[in-house]
Amino acid sequence: MSRSLIIAIFLAVFAVVWVLSGSLGSEDAATDETVAASQSDERLFKVKAIDITATSMTDTLRLQGETDAIRSIIIKAETHGAISTIYVKKGDRVKKGQLLFELAENDRTARLTQAKSELKLREAELDAGKKLQPKNLISGNQLEQLKNNVFAARAAVTQIQVEIGHTKIKAAFDGVLNSLHIEKGDFLSIGDPVAELIDDSEIKIIAQVPQQHIARIEVGQTANATQIDGTRITGQIDYISNAAELATRTFTIEATADNSDHSLRLRQSAKVEINLGDTLAQKIPTSNLELAADGSIFVKGLDQSNRVVKLPVKMIRAESDGIWLSGLPENFRLISVGHAFVREGQEVDPVLEINEEKVVDIAVQNTQTNQRTTDEVSE
C-alpha cells in the first residue's frame, strides 16, 4: 500500500479510539455523580436534641383584675325639698339606721294635721251612719260610701306621714360615706343623688377568665390578689358567670375576702392568681414552640427510632428564660435545634450534649446542604 493510504488509516483509527475513550469517560463520570447523589440523599438531617424530664409544679392561672367593696349604693332623695341639716361628713363611718341628712318639712306638718282632722270627721260620719242603718234611715250604698270616705282619709294621713319620713335620710347598712353630692340648702327632687355608701367589711376580687380556662374554675377555689401597692389579699371564689362577654369571650369571676379591720383600700388594679392544682410539666425555650393551623401549639421530639414526633402541649406558665408546658411524656427527647426543618415521621440524626458553637455550625450546615427540606417545611 502507498504511504499516504497507511497514514490515512492510522489517523482514522486514532480518531475512533479518541472518540470512544471520551464517551466511556463521560459514562464513568455520570456514574460517579449518580453514586454521590445517592449517598447525599441517604444522609440523615442533623438536629440537636435534649432529654427533658417532667417535674411537679403548681398550675397557676394568672389574670388581671381589680378589687371592690362587697356592696355599695348611691343614696337618693325619695321626696323633694331643701337640705336643712347634714349630720355627717365625707369619709365618716355610719351604722345602719343612723340619721345622715334631713330635708325641710315645709308645709308637710300642716297638711298632716289637716288630713288627721279630715279622718276624724269621716270616722264620725261613719259611726252616725251605722246607727241610722238599723232604723232604715240610710241605705246600704250610702253606708258603703261613708266607709270609703274613711279609707281615703286614712290613706291621705299615711301618705303624708311617709313623705315626712322621707325627709329624714338614714343609712341602709353599716359602712363608710365615700362621697357626698349635696350641700346645706340644696334643693332635691325625687331621685337626685345624695351620697355614696360603701360596705367595706368584706372585699370583692373581680377578674376575667379566658374561655379556654373557665372549665377548671370552681366555686370555693382560692384566689390570691396582689394590689398595685403590693398588698396581698386571699379570698374564696363565690361567683362564676354563666355567659361570656361577647367582646372578649371571657367569664367574670368574683371572690370574697375578709376586711373587718377596714385596712384594705378598694377599687384598685390587682394581679389575680388561682391555684388549679399540681401537675407534671417541663420547661423549654419559647423558640421551640410551633403553631398549628387550628391555633393550638405543639413541639417536636424524637421517639426511640430517632423519628420525629409531634405532640400538642398546653402552656402553664411563662417565665423570662422559658415556658412551662404540660402534655408531654414524663421523659421526652426534645428537638431543640432544627425542629422547623423536619416533619413528623422523618428519621433524623440527633446530636446530644454539644456546645452552643457546634449547634450554630450544625444549623448553618443543615440550611446550606439540605435545601430539599424546603418542601417538607411548607408541608
Protein backbone atom coordinates (compact mmCIF):
# COMPACT_ATOMS: atom_id res chain seq x y z
CA MET A 1 0.00 0.00 0.00
CA SER A 2 1.07 3.51 -0.59
CA ARG A 3 2.47 5.56 2.28
CA SER A 4 -0.40 8.07 2.11
CA LEU A 5 -3.02 5.32 2.48
CA ILE A 6 -1.30 3.90 5.57
CA ILE A 7 -1.24 7.36 7.20
CA ALA A 8 -4.94 7.90 6.45
CA ILE A 9 -5.90 4.53 8.00
CA PHE A 10 -3.86 5.31 11.14
CA LEU A 11 -5.45 8.70 11.58
CA ALA A 12 -8.94 7.21 11.19
CA VAL A 13 -8.24 4.51 13.80
CA PHE A 14 -6.82 7.14 16.21
CA ALA A 15 -9.88 9.33 15.80
CA VAL A 16 -12.24 6.40 16.55
CA VAL A 17 -10.25 5.43 19.66
CA TRP A 18 -10.23 9.05 20.90
CA VAL A 19 -13.97 9.40 20.47
CA LEU A 20 -14.69 6.10 22.23
CA SER A 21 -12.40 6.97 25.13
CA GLY A 22 -14.25 10.28 25.70
CA SER A 23 -17.64 8.57 25.70
CA LEU A 24 -16.50 5.99 28.24
CA GLY A 25 -15.09 8.73 30.46
CA SER A 26 -18.37 10.60 30.40
CA GLU A 27 -20.28 7.47 31.41
CA ASP A 28 -17.89 6.88 34.32
CA ALA A 29 -18.26 10.49 35.47
CA ALA A 30 -22.05 10.25 35.26
CA THR A 31 -21.94 7.05 37.26
CA ASP A 32 -19.78 8.70 39.93
CA GLU A 33 -22.17 11.69 40.17
CA THR A 34 -25.17 9.34 40.49
CA VAL A 35 -23.49 7.44 43.32
CA ALA A 36 -22.56 10.68 45.07
CA ALA A 37 -26.11 11.99 44.79
CA SER A 38 -27.48 8.73 46.12
CA GLN A 39 -25.11 8.89 49.07
CA SER A 40 -26.13 12.52 49.68
CA ASP A 41 -29.83 11.51 49.69
CA GLU A 42 -29.10 8.82 52.21
CA ARG A 43 -27.51 11.28 54.67
CA LEU A 44 -29.81 11.99 57.63
CA PHE A 45 -30.71 15.51 58.67
CA LYS A 46 -28.82 16.56 61.79
CA VAL A 47 -30.69 18.10 64.71
CA LYS A 48 -29.86 18.96 68.28
CA ALA A 49 -31.90 17.04 70.87
CA ILE A 50 -32.19 17.44 74.61
CA ASP A 51 -33.59 14.92 77.07
CA ILE A 52 -36.05 16.65 79.42
CA THR A 53 -37.80 15.25 82.48
CA ALA A 54 -41.10 16.43 83.92
CA THR A 55 -41.25 17.91 87.40
CA SER A 56 -44.23 18.50 89.66
CA MET A 57 -45.31 22.13 89.85
CA THR A 58 -48.34 24.14 90.84
CA ASP A 59 -50.55 25.01 87.90
CA THR A 60 -51.44 28.66 88.49
CA LEU A 61 -53.77 30.76 86.36
CA ARG A 62 -52.66 34.42 86.30
CA LEU A 63 -55.20 37.11 85.50
CA GLN A 64 -55.64 40.87 85.58
CA GLY A 65 -58.37 42.01 87.92
CA GLU A 66 -59.50 44.58 90.45
CA THR A 67 -60.87 44.89 93.96
CA ASP A 68 -64.15 46.41 95.05
CA ALA A 69 -66.48 46.65 98.04
CA ILE A 70 -68.84 43.79 98.75
CA ARG A 71 -71.71 46.23 98.18
CA SER A 72 -72.23 49.93 97.59
CA ILE A 73 -75.21 52.15 96.89
CA ILE A 74 -75.94 55.69 95.80
CA ILE A 75 -78.33 57.19 98.35
CA LYS A 76 -81.03 59.16 96.53
CA ALA A 77 -83.75 61.53 97.61
CA GLU A 78 -87.20 59.94 97.98
CA THR A 79 -89.04 63.24 98.24
CA HIS A 80 -88.48 66.83 97.23
CA GLY A 81 -87.22 69.58 99.48
CA ALA A 82 -84.23 71.61 100.57
CA ILE A 83 -81.42 70.11 102.68
CA SER A 84 -81.87 71.57 106.16
CA THR A 85 -79.36 69.56 108.19
CA ILE A 86 -76.25 67.48 107.39
CA TYR A 87 -75.21 65.26 110.30
CA VAL A 88 -72.15 63.57 108.74
CA LYS A 89 -69.22 64.35 106.52
CA LYS A 90 -67.46 62.51 103.72
CA GLY A 91 -65.37 59.58 104.99
CA ASP A 92 -67.41 59.04 108.19
CA ARG A 93 -68.31 55.53 109.29
CA VAL A 94 -72.01 55.12 109.96
CA LYS A 95 -74.32 52.48 111.41
CA LYS A 96 -77.46 51.02 109.91
CA GLY A 97 -80.43 53.33 110.59
CA GLN A 98 -78.25 56.31 111.55
CA LEU A 99 -79.70 59.69 110.56
CA LEU A 100 -77.47 61.24 107.90
CA PHE A 101 -79.39 64.17 106.38
CA GLU A 102 -82.67 65.94 106.87
CA LEU A 103 -84.86 67.86 104.44
CA ALA A 104 -87.08 70.75 105.42
CA GLU A 105 -90.64 69.60 106.17
CA ASN A 106 -92.15 72.89 104.91
CA ASP A 107 -95.98 72.57 104.93
CA ARG A 108 -95.99 68.80 105.45
CA THR A 109 -96.78 69.11 109.18
CA ALA A 110 -99.73 71.37 108.47
CA ARG A 111 -101.03 69.07 105.78
CA LEU A 112 -100.73 66.13 108.17
CA THR A 113 -102.80 67.98 110.80
CA GLN A 114 -105.43 68.73 108.19
CA ALA A 115 -105.50 65.13 106.99
CA LYS A 116 -105.94 63.82 110.55
CA SER A 117 -108.84 66.24 111.13
CA GLU A 118 -110.46 65.05 107.90
CA LEU A 119 -110.04 61.47 109.07
CA LYS A 120 -111.79 62.17 112.37
CA LEU A 121 -114.70 63.80 110.54
CA ARG A 122 -115.06 60.81 108.18
CA GLU A 123 -114.94 58.38 111.09
CA ALA A 124 -117.68 60.34 112.95
CA GLU A 125 -119.86 60.26 109.83
CA LEU A 126 -119.36 56.50 109.56
CA ASP A 127 -120.34 55.97 113.21
CA ALA A 128 -123.54 58.00 112.71
CA GLY A 129 -124.40 56.06 109.58
CA LYS A 130 -124.03 52.75 111.38
CA LYS A 131 -126.55 53.94 114.00
CA LEU A 132 -129.04 55.05 111.34
CA GLN A 133 -128.94 51.87 109.24
CA PRO A 134 -130.98 49.68 111.66
CA LYS A 135 -133.77 52.30 111.51
CA ASN A 136 -133.67 52.23 107.69
CA LEU A 137 -132.78 55.91 107.67
CA ILE A 138 -129.78 55.30 105.44
CA SER A 139 -129.34 52.97 102.52
CA GLY A 140 -126.67 50.32 102.22
CA ASN A 141 -124.96 52.21 99.38
CA GLN A 142 -124.75 55.34 101.50
CA LEU A 143 -123.12 53.37 104.31
CA GLU A 144 -120.54 51.94 101.90
CA GLN A 145 -119.76 55.46 100.68
CA LEU A 146 -119.12 56.56 104.27
CA LYS A 147 -116.71 53.62 104.71
CA ASN A 148 -114.84 54.57 101.53
CA ASN A 149 -114.51 58.15 102.77
CA VAL A 150 -112.82 56.85 105.92
CA PHE A 151 -110.41 54.67 103.90
CA ALA A 152 -109.46 57.62 101.68
CA ALA A 153 -108.86 59.88 104.69
CA ARG A 154 -106.64 57.25 106.33
CA ALA A 155 -104.65 56.85 103.10
CA ALA A 156 -104.11 60.63 102.94
CA VAL A 157 -102.74 60.62 106.51
CA THR A 158 -100.42 57.69 105.75
CA GLN A 159 -99.16 59.30 102.54
CA ILE A 160 -98.15 62.50 104.33
CA GLN A 161 -96.54 60.53 107.19
CA VAL A 162 -94.42 58.56 104.69
CA GLU A 163 -93.46 61.77 102.92
CA ILE A 164 -92.35 63.30 106.22
CA GLY A 165 -90.36 60.13 106.97
CA HIS A 166 -88.55 60.53 103.63
CA THR A 167 -87.27 63.93 104.74
CA LYS A 168 -85.02 62.06 107.17
CA ILE A 169 -82.36 60.19 105.15
CA LYS A 170 -80.81 57.25 107.05
CA ALA A 171 -78.06 54.70 106.40
CA ALA A 172 -79.26 51.43 104.86
CA PHE A 173 -76.35 49.41 106.34
CA ASP A 174 -73.08 49.79 108.24
CA GLY A 175 -70.44 51.37 106.07
CA VAL A 176 -68.46 54.43 105.12
CA LEU A 177 -69.65 57.52 103.24
CA ASN A 178 -67.36 57.51 100.24
CA SER A 179 -68.72 60.69 98.70
CA LEU A 180 -71.28 63.45 99.23
CA HIS A 181 -73.20 65.14 96.42
CA ILE A 182 -75.02 67.84 98.39
CA GLU A 183 -74.54 70.97 100.48
CA LYS A 184 -76.82 72.51 103.06
CA GLY A 185 -79.60 74.41 101.32
CA ASP A 186 -79.51 72.36 98.12
CA PHE A 187 -82.96 71.61 96.74
CA LEU A 188 -83.52 67.97 95.87
CA SER A 189 -86.07 66.36 93.62
CA ILE A 190 -87.10 62.73 93.83
CA GLY A 191 -84.21 60.56 92.57
CA ASP A 192 -81.42 63.13 93.00
CA PRO A 193 -78.15 61.55 94.32
CA VAL A 194 -77.20 62.45 97.87
CA ALA A 195 -74.19 60.30 98.83
CA GLU A 196 -72.40 57.02 98.14
CA LEU A 197 -72.43 54.46 100.96
CA ILE A 198 -69.90 51.58 100.81
CA ASP A 199 -69.87 48.40 102.86
CA ASP A 200 -66.17 47.58 103.17
CA SER A 201 -66.45 44.87 105.83
CA GLU A 202 -65.56 42.45 103.03
CA ILE A 203 -63.67 42.97 99.80
CA LYS A 204 -64.54 41.57 96.42
CA ILE A 205 -61.84 40.34 94.00
CA ILE A 206 -63.04 40.55 90.38
CA ALA A 207 -61.27 39.03 87.34
CA GLN A 208 -61.99 37.92 83.77
CA VAL A 209 -61.16 34.29 82.91
CA PRO A 210 -60.47 33.33 79.25
CA GLN A 211 -62.90 30.78 77.88
CA GLN A 212 -60.23 28.08 77.48
CA HIS A 213 -59.65 28.07 81.26
CA ILE A 214 -63.16 28.52 82.65
CA ALA A 215 -63.85 24.76 82.84
CA ARG A 216 -61.16 24.46 85.52
CA ILE A 217 -62.59 27.19 87.75
CA GLU A 218 -64.93 26.15 90.56
CA VAL A 219 -66.77 27.87 93.39
CA GLY A 220 -64.73 27.52 96.58
CA GLN A 221 -61.30 27.75 94.95
CA THR A 222 -58.78 30.16 96.45
CA ALA A 223 -57.99 33.39 94.61
CA ASN A 224 -54.95 35.44 95.60
CA ALA A 225 -54.82 39.09 94.57
CA THR A 226 -51.87 41.47 94.72
CA GLN A 227 -52.86 45.10 94.52
CA ILE A 228 -50.76 47.71 92.77
CA ASP A 229 -49.37 48.85 96.13
CA GLY A 230 -48.17 45.31 96.93
CA THR A 231 -50.98 44.41 99.35
CA ARG A 232 -51.88 40.70 99.13
CA ILE A 233 -55.47 39.52 99.55
CA THR A 234 -56.75 35.94 99.76
CA GLY A 235 -60.38 35.12 99.08
CA GLN A 236 -62.70 32.29 98.09
CA ILE A 237 -64.46 32.23 94.71
CA ASP A 238 -68.21 32.52 95.25
CA TYR A 239 -69.44 33.60 91.80
CA ILE A 240 -68.77 32.45 88.22
CA SER A 241 -70.78 34.00 85.40
CA ASN A 242 -72.71 31.61 83.18
CA ALA A 243 -72.22 33.60 79.97
CA ALA A 244 -69.06 35.06 78.45
CA GLU A 245 -68.65 38.70 77.48
CA LEU A 246 -69.32 38.88 73.74
CA ALA A 247 -66.47 41.31 73.06
CA THR A 248 -63.73 39.44 74.94
CA ARG A 249 -65.07 35.88 75.32
CA THR A 250 -64.14 35.96 78.99
CA PHE A 251 -66.10 34.95 82.09
CA THR A 252 -66.40 37.15 85.17
CA ILE A 253 -65.48 35.57 88.50
CA GLU A 254 -65.71 37.06 91.99
CA ALA A 255 -64.00 36.04 95.22
CA THR A 256 -64.74 37.40 98.69
CA ALA A 257 -62.11 38.22 101.33
CA ASP A 258 -62.44 39.49 104.89
CA ASN A 259 -61.82 43.18 105.59
CA SER A 260 -63.37 43.53 109.02
CA ASP A 261 -60.50 45.78 110.15
CA HIS A 262 -61.19 48.10 107.18
CA SER A 263 -57.47 48.17 106.33
CA LEU A 264 -57.76 47.41 102.60
CA ARG A 265 -58.25 50.11 100.01
CA LEU A 266 -60.84 49.37 97.35
CA ARG A 267 -61.16 49.70 93.57
CA GLN A 268 -57.51 49.09 92.78
CA SER A 269 -56.00 47.11 89.93
CA ALA A 270 -54.72 43.72 91.03
CA LYS A 271 -52.88 40.68 89.73
CA VAL A 272 -55.03 37.66 90.46
CA GLU A 273 -53.70 34.10 90.81
CA ILE A 274 -55.86 30.98 91.03
CA ASN A 275 -54.32 27.67 92.10
CA LEU A 276 -55.53 24.94 89.74
CA GLY A 277 -53.65 22.11 91.47
CA ASP A 278 -50.35 20.28 90.93
CA THR A 279 -49.33 18.91 87.55
CA LEU A 280 -46.29 17.46 85.77
CA ALA A 281 -44.60 19.96 83.49
CA GLN A 282 -41.41 20.58 81.51
CA LYS A 283 -39.67 23.86 80.91
CA ILE A 284 -38.41 24.58 77.39
CA PRO A 285 -37.30 27.68 75.45
CA THR A 286 -40.12 29.62 73.85
CA SER A 287 -38.42 29.24 70.45
CA ASN A 288 -39.23 25.51 70.46
CA LEU A 289 -42.98 26.11 70.27
CA GLU A 290 -44.76 25.76 66.94
CA LEU A 291 -48.24 26.89 65.94
CA ALA A 292 -50.72 24.55 64.28
CA ALA A 293 -53.26 25.64 61.66
CA ASP A 294 -56.10 25.42 64.20
CA GLY A 295 -54.31 27.76 66.60
CA SER A 296 -53.06 25.10 69.02
CA ILE A 297 -49.37 24.79 69.91
CA PHE A 298 -47.09 21.75 69.70
CA VAL A 299 -43.45 20.72 70.00
CA LYS A 300 -41.36 18.22 68.06
CA GLY A 301 -39.26 15.48 69.58
CA LEU A 302 -37.82 12.05 68.82
CA ASP A 303 -39.01 8.53 69.52
CA GLN A 304 -36.74 5.56 70.22
CA SER A 305 -36.10 5.12 66.47
CA ASN A 306 -34.95 8.74 66.07
CA ARG A 307 -38.09 9.58 64.12
CA VAL A 308 -39.77 12.91 64.55
CA VAL A 309 -42.93 13.02 66.68
CA LYS A 310 -45.26 15.99 67.05
CA LEU A 311 -47.12 16.40 70.36
CA PRO A 312 -49.70 19.04 71.34
CA VAL A 313 -48.97 20.89 74.58
CA LYS A 314 -50.62 23.38 76.91
CA MET A 315 -48.87 26.42 78.35
CA ILE A 316 -48.91 26.58 82.14
CA ARG A 317 -46.62 29.48 82.96
CA ALA A 318 -44.28 31.77 81.04
CA GLU A 319 -41.01 32.99 82.52
CA SER A 320 -38.19 35.15 81.20
CA ASP A 321 -35.97 32.16 80.38
CA GLY A 322 -38.57 29.71 79.11
CA ILE A 323 -42.09 28.38 79.28
CA TRP A 324 -43.64 25.59 81.35
CA LEU A 325 -45.70 23.06 79.39
CA SER A 326 -47.92 20.10 80.17
CA GLY A 327 -48.99 17.32 77.84
CA LEU A 328 -45.58 15.71 77.19
CA PRO A 329 -44.41 12.29 78.44
CA GLU A 330 -42.55 12.34 81.74
CA ASN A 331 -39.29 11.67 79.87
CA PHE A 332 -39.05 13.22 76.43
CA ARG A 333 -36.32 13.87 73.87
CA LEU A 334 -36.95 17.38 72.56
CA ILE A 335 -35.60 18.67 69.25
CA SER A 336 -34.10 21.97 70.36
CA VAL A 337 -32.38 23.00 67.09
CA GLY A 338 -33.63 22.10 63.62
CA HIS A 339 -37.24 21.33 64.54
CA ALA A 340 -38.52 23.77 61.91
CA PHE A 341 -36.79 21.80 59.11
CA VAL A 342 -38.14 18.33 59.85
CA ARG A 343 -41.56 16.79 59.61
CA GLU A 344 -43.45 14.19 61.61
CA GLY A 345 -42.25 10.65 60.94
CA GLN A 346 -38.93 11.70 59.37
CA GLU A 347 -35.80 9.87 60.57
CA VAL A 348 -33.02 12.25 61.68
CA ASP A 349 -29.51 12.16 63.10
CA PRO A 350 -29.70 13.63 66.64
CA VAL A 351 -26.71 15.26 68.32
CA LEU A 352 -26.82 15.28 72.12
CA GLU A 353 -24.83 17.26 74.69
CA ILE A 354 -22.94 19.61 72.37
CA ASN A 355 -21.83 23.17 72.93
CA GLU A 356 -23.58 26.22 71.56
CA GLU A 357 -20.92 26.94 68.92
CA LYS A 358 -21.39 23.45 67.47
CA VAL A 359 -25.14 23.93 67.50
CA VAL A 360 -24.77 27.03 65.35
CA ASP A 361 -22.46 25.17 62.95
CA ILE A 362 -24.99 22.35 62.60
CA ALA A 363 -27.83 24.79 61.95
CA VAL A 364 -25.81 26.55 59.23
CA GLN A 365 -24.76 23.21 57.70
CA ASN A 366 -28.34 21.94 57.62
CA THR A 367 -29.54 25.15 55.95
CA GLN A 368 -26.84 25.02 53.28
CA THR A 369 -26.70 21.30 52.46
CA ASN A 370 -30.33 20.27 52.83
CA GLN A 371 -32.26 22.57 50.55
CA ARG A 372 -34.53 19.64 49.78
CA THR A 373 -36.18 20.19 53.18
CA THR A 374 -37.86 23.33 51.91
CA ASP A 375 -40.75 21.27 50.54
CA GLU A 376 -41.06 19.48 53.89
CA VAL A 377 -41.18 22.78 55.78
CA SER A 378 -44.01 24.01 53.58
CA GLU A 379 -45.93 20.84 54.40
